[in-house]
């Protein structure tokens, strides 16, 4: 009979990888540190060196998700200078990320993270690129004045709504371009 090992090359990364697989397959309710330990071949107590409980695991998943979307946002706008092009690039990234990772996104936006400083810092880092795009647009007169974070939240809310429609079976098609166009130019007729 083989006994689970306590040591693992990079246990933290292995646990996070397996946790995200389970999240995709069956949702956050199915996450169990004991089961993940069995799945990665270590003793049931080994993950506790990195995650004191399930909430700590969820927090770490949220941080990893925000770090990933931050990198994708940065890559999407690299080399783009026009506000419309940058906003479209950010919107495409967000829509793809949201539709490919709905369970992870639900964990990322989970209210239980409220007091976790690491999650809060990851959120700020993730949305710094969109905030900068809005500030640049404001400085060039392409975006209305106001708090860039609040404006960004309105954009994310619209994109999340679009992601929910796509996840429900509506074809994204031109909806992304239309949504970004309405966000950029408003709903008023042009003179």
Protein backbone atom coordinates (compact mmCIF):
# COMPACT_ATOMS: atom_id res chain seq x y z
CA UNK A 1 0.00 0.00 0.00
CA UNK A 2 1.48 3.33 -0.97
CA UNK A 3 1.13 6.26 1.38
CA UNK A 4 0.49 9.77 0.11
CA UNK A 5 3.61 11.88 0.06
CA UNK A 6 3.84 15.07 2.04
CA UNK A 7 6.41 16.71 -0.22
CA UNK A 8 5.70 17.88 -3.72
CA UNK A 9 7.83 19.89 -6.13
CA UNK A 10 5.52 22.91 -6.17
CA UNK A 11 2.53 21.92 -4.09
CA UNK A 12 0.94 25.35 -4.05
CA UNK A 13 0.87 25.54 -7.87
CA UNK A 14 -0.33 21.94 -8.16
CA UNK A 15 -3.18 22.56 -5.71
CA UNK A 16 -4.23 25.72 -7.54
CA UNK A 17 -4.14 23.95 -10.92
CA UNK A 18 -6.26 21.07 -9.64
CA UNK A 19 -8.62 23.44 -7.83
CA UNK A 20 -9.22 25.38 -11.04
CA UNK A 21 -9.89 22.12 -12.92
CA UNK A 22 -12.48 21.13 -10.30
CA UNK A 23 -13.93 24.64 -10.43
CA UNK A 24 -14.41 24.30 -14.21
CA UNK A 25 -15.84 20.80 -13.94
CA UNK A 26 -18.24 21.14 -11.04
CA UNK A 27 -18.07 24.55 -9.35
CA UNK A 28 -16.74 26.01 -6.12
CA UNK A 29 -19.03 23.90 -3.96
CA UNK A 30 -17.10 20.81 -5.04
CA UNK A 31 -13.72 22.12 -3.87
CA UNK A 32 -12.23 20.10 -1.03
CA UNK A 33 -8.66 20.45 0.17
CA UNK A 34 -8.67 16.77 1.19
CA UNK A 35 -9.80 15.64 -2.26
CA UNK A 36 -7.31 17.93 -3.98
CA UNK A 37 -4.54 16.49 -1.77
CA UNK A 38 -5.53 12.98 -2.89
CA UNK A 39 -5.70 14.09 -6.52
CA UNK A 40 -2.17 15.56 -6.46
CA UNK A 41 -0.78 12.62 -4.46
CA UNK A 42 0.06 14.17 -1.10
CA UNK A 43 -1.16 13.66 2.44
CA UNK A 44 -4.44 15.33 3.36
CA UNK A 45 -2.65 17.83 5.61
CA UNK A 46 -0.04 18.91 3.07
CA UNK A 47 -2.10 21.68 1.39
CA UNK A 48 -2.62 23.35 4.79
CA UNK A 49 0.97 24.62 4.56
CA UNK A 50 -0.27 26.92 1.79
CA UNK A 51 -4.03 27.22 2.38
CA UNK A 52 -5.36 27.30 5.94
CA UNK A 53 -8.89 26.52 4.74
CA UNK A 54 -11.17 26.49 1.71
CA UNK A 55 -11.64 30.27 1.83
CA UNK A 56 -7.86 30.76 1.61
CA UNK A 57 -7.89 28.51 -1.47
CA UNK A 58 -10.73 30.54 -2.99
CA UNK A 59 -8.82 33.76 -2.24
CA UNK A 60 -5.72 32.36 -3.96
CA UNK A 61 -7.80 31.33 -6.99
CA UNK A 62 -9.24 34.86 -7.14
CA UNK A 63 -5.77 36.41 -7.01
CA UNK A 64 -4.54 34.07 -9.76
CA UNK A 65 -7.56 34.96 -11.90
CA UNK A 66 -7.07 38.70 -11.46
CA UNK A 67 -3.35 38.33 -12.21
CA UNK A 68 -4.19 36.46 -15.42
CA UNK A 69 -6.69 39.02 -16.62
CA UNK A 70 -4.25 41.82 -15.76
CA UNK A 71 -1.62 40.24 -18.03
CA UNK A 72 -4.18 39.72 -20.79
CA UNK A 73 -5.39 43.34 -20.54
CA UNK A 74 -1.81 44.62 -20.77
CA UNK A 75 -1.03 42.44 -23.78
CA UNK A 76 -4.26 43.47 -25.52
CA UNK A 77 -3.53 47.20 -25.47
CA UNK A 78 0.20 46.98 -26.13
CA UNK A 79 0.91 48.97 -29.27
CA UNK A 80 -2.61 50.42 -29.48
CA UNK A 81 -2.93 54.18 -29.08
CA UNK A 82 -6.46 55.05 -30.21
CA UNK A 83 -9.02 55.01 -27.42
CA UNK A 84 -11.65 53.10 -29.43
CA UNK A 85 -9.13 50.40 -30.41
CA UNK A 86 -7.89 50.05 -26.84
CA UNK A 87 -11.44 49.83 -25.45
CA UNK A 88 -12.37 47.20 -28.06
CA UNK A 89 -9.24 45.19 -27.21
CA UNK A 90 -10.04 45.29 -23.48
CA UNK A 91 -13.66 44.35 -24.14
CA UNK A 92 -12.65 41.36 -26.28
CA UNK A 93 -10.30 40.14 -23.54
CA UNK A 94 -12.93 40.53 -20.84
CA UNK A 95 -15.68 38.84 -22.86
CA UNK A 96 -13.43 35.90 -23.76
CA UNK A 97 -12.15 35.53 -20.19
CA UNK A 98 -15.67 35.75 -18.73
CA UNK A 99 -17.18 33.23 -21.13
CA UNK A 100 -14.27 30.76 -20.85
CA UNK A 101 -13.99 31.03 -17.04
CA UNK A 102 -17.46 31.67 -15.59
CA UNK A 103 -16.88 29.70 -12.37
CA UNK A 104 -13.50 31.37 -11.81
CA UNK A 105 -15.04 34.78 -12.45
CA UNK A 106 -17.73 34.02 -9.86
CA UNK A 107 -14.98 33.20 -7.36
CA UNK A 108 -13.08 36.36 -8.32
CA UNK A 109 -16.13 38.52 -7.67
CA UNK A 110 -17.14 36.60 -4.55
CA UNK A 111 -18.10 38.90 -1.67
CA UNK A 112 -16.31 36.73 0.91
CA UNK A 113 -12.95 38.17 -0.20
CA UNK A 114 -13.88 41.61 1.14
CA UNK A 115 -11.31 41.71 3.94
CA UNK A 116 -8.50 39.91 2.10
CA UNK A 117 -5.80 42.49 1.33
CA UNK A 118 -4.10 40.29 -1.28
CA UNK A 119 -7.34 39.93 -3.27
CA UNK A 120 -7.97 43.68 -3.00
CA UNK A 121 -4.48 44.44 -4.31
CA UNK A 122 -4.96 41.98 -7.19
CA UNK A 123 -8.24 43.68 -8.15
CA UNK A 124 -6.52 47.08 -8.25
CA UNK A 125 -3.66 45.69 -10.35
CA UNK A 126 -6.04 43.93 -12.75
CA UNK A 127 -8.10 47.00 -13.47
CA UNK A 128 -5.21 49.47 -13.61
CA UNK A 129 -4.86 48.98 -17.39
CA UNK A 130 -8.54 49.78 -18.11
CA UNK A 131 -8.36 52.69 -15.64
CA UNK A 132 -5.32 54.07 -17.47
CA UNK A 133 -7.10 53.74 -20.82
CA UNK A 134 -10.03 55.74 -19.42
CA UNK A 135 -7.73 58.41 -17.91
CA UNK A 136 -5.88 58.75 -21.23
CA UNK A 137 -9.22 59.07 -23.03
CA UNK A 138 -10.32 61.75 -20.56
CA UNK A 139 -7.10 63.70 -21.07
CA UNK A 140 -7.65 63.65 -24.84
CA UNK A 141 -11.31 64.66 -24.50
CA UNK A 142 -12.60 61.28 -25.73
CA UNK A 143 -14.19 60.22 -22.42
CA UNK A 144 -16.52 62.17 -20.14
CA UNK A 145 -15.02 63.64 -16.98
CA UNK A 146 -15.54 61.71 -13.78
CA UNK A 147 -14.00 59.10 -11.55
CA UNK A 148 -12.19 56.68 -13.89
CA UNK A 149 -12.86 53.75 -11.55
CA UNK A 150 -16.62 54.41 -11.57
CA UNK A 151 -16.63 54.79 -15.36
CA UNK A 152 -14.63 51.55 -15.61
CA UNK A 153 -17.14 49.77 -13.36
CA UNK A 154 -19.96 50.82 -15.70
CA UNK A 155 -18.01 49.40 -18.66
CA UNK A 156 -17.29 46.13 -16.82
CA UNK A 157 -20.95 45.85 -15.77
CA UNK A 158 -22.04 46.17 -19.40
CA UNK A 159 -19.46 43.62 -20.54
CA UNK A 160 -20.42 41.21 -17.76
CA UNK A 161 -24.03 41.49 -18.85
CA UNK A 162 -22.96 40.72 -22.41
CA UNK A 163 -20.90 37.75 -21.14
CA UNK A 164 -23.98 36.44 -19.33
CA UNK A 165 -26.02 36.70 -22.54
CA UNK A 166 -23.34 34.86 -24.51
CA UNK A 167 -23.11 32.17 -21.80
CA UNK A 168 -26.89 31.76 -22.08
CA UNK A 169 -26.61 30.92 -25.74
CA UNK A 170 -26.88 34.28 -27.50
CA UNK A 171 -24.29 34.61 -30.25
CA UNK A 172 -21.76 37.34 -29.50
CA UNK A 173 -21.31 38.26 -33.15
CA UNK A 174 -21.66 42.00 -33.57
CA UNK A 175 -22.96 42.46 -30.02
CA UNK A 176 -19.47 43.15 -28.71
CA UNK A 177 -18.85 45.87 -31.29
CA UNK A 178 -22.30 47.34 -30.74
CA UNK A 179 -21.91 47.30 -26.94
CA UNK A 180 -18.52 48.99 -27.10
CA UNK A 181 -19.85 51.45 -29.66
CA UNK A 182 -22.75 52.40 -27.39
CA UNK A 183 -20.41 52.70 -24.42
CA UNK A 184 -18.03 54.87 -26.41
CA UNK A 185 -20.53 57.09 -28.19
CA UNK A 186 -23.58 56.89 -25.97
CA UNK A 187 -27.10 56.25 -27.13
CA UNK A 188 -27.79 59.74 -28.44
CA UNK A 189 -28.10 60.23 -32.19
CA UNK A 190 -25.08 61.87 -33.74
CA UNK A 191 -25.61 65.37 -35.14
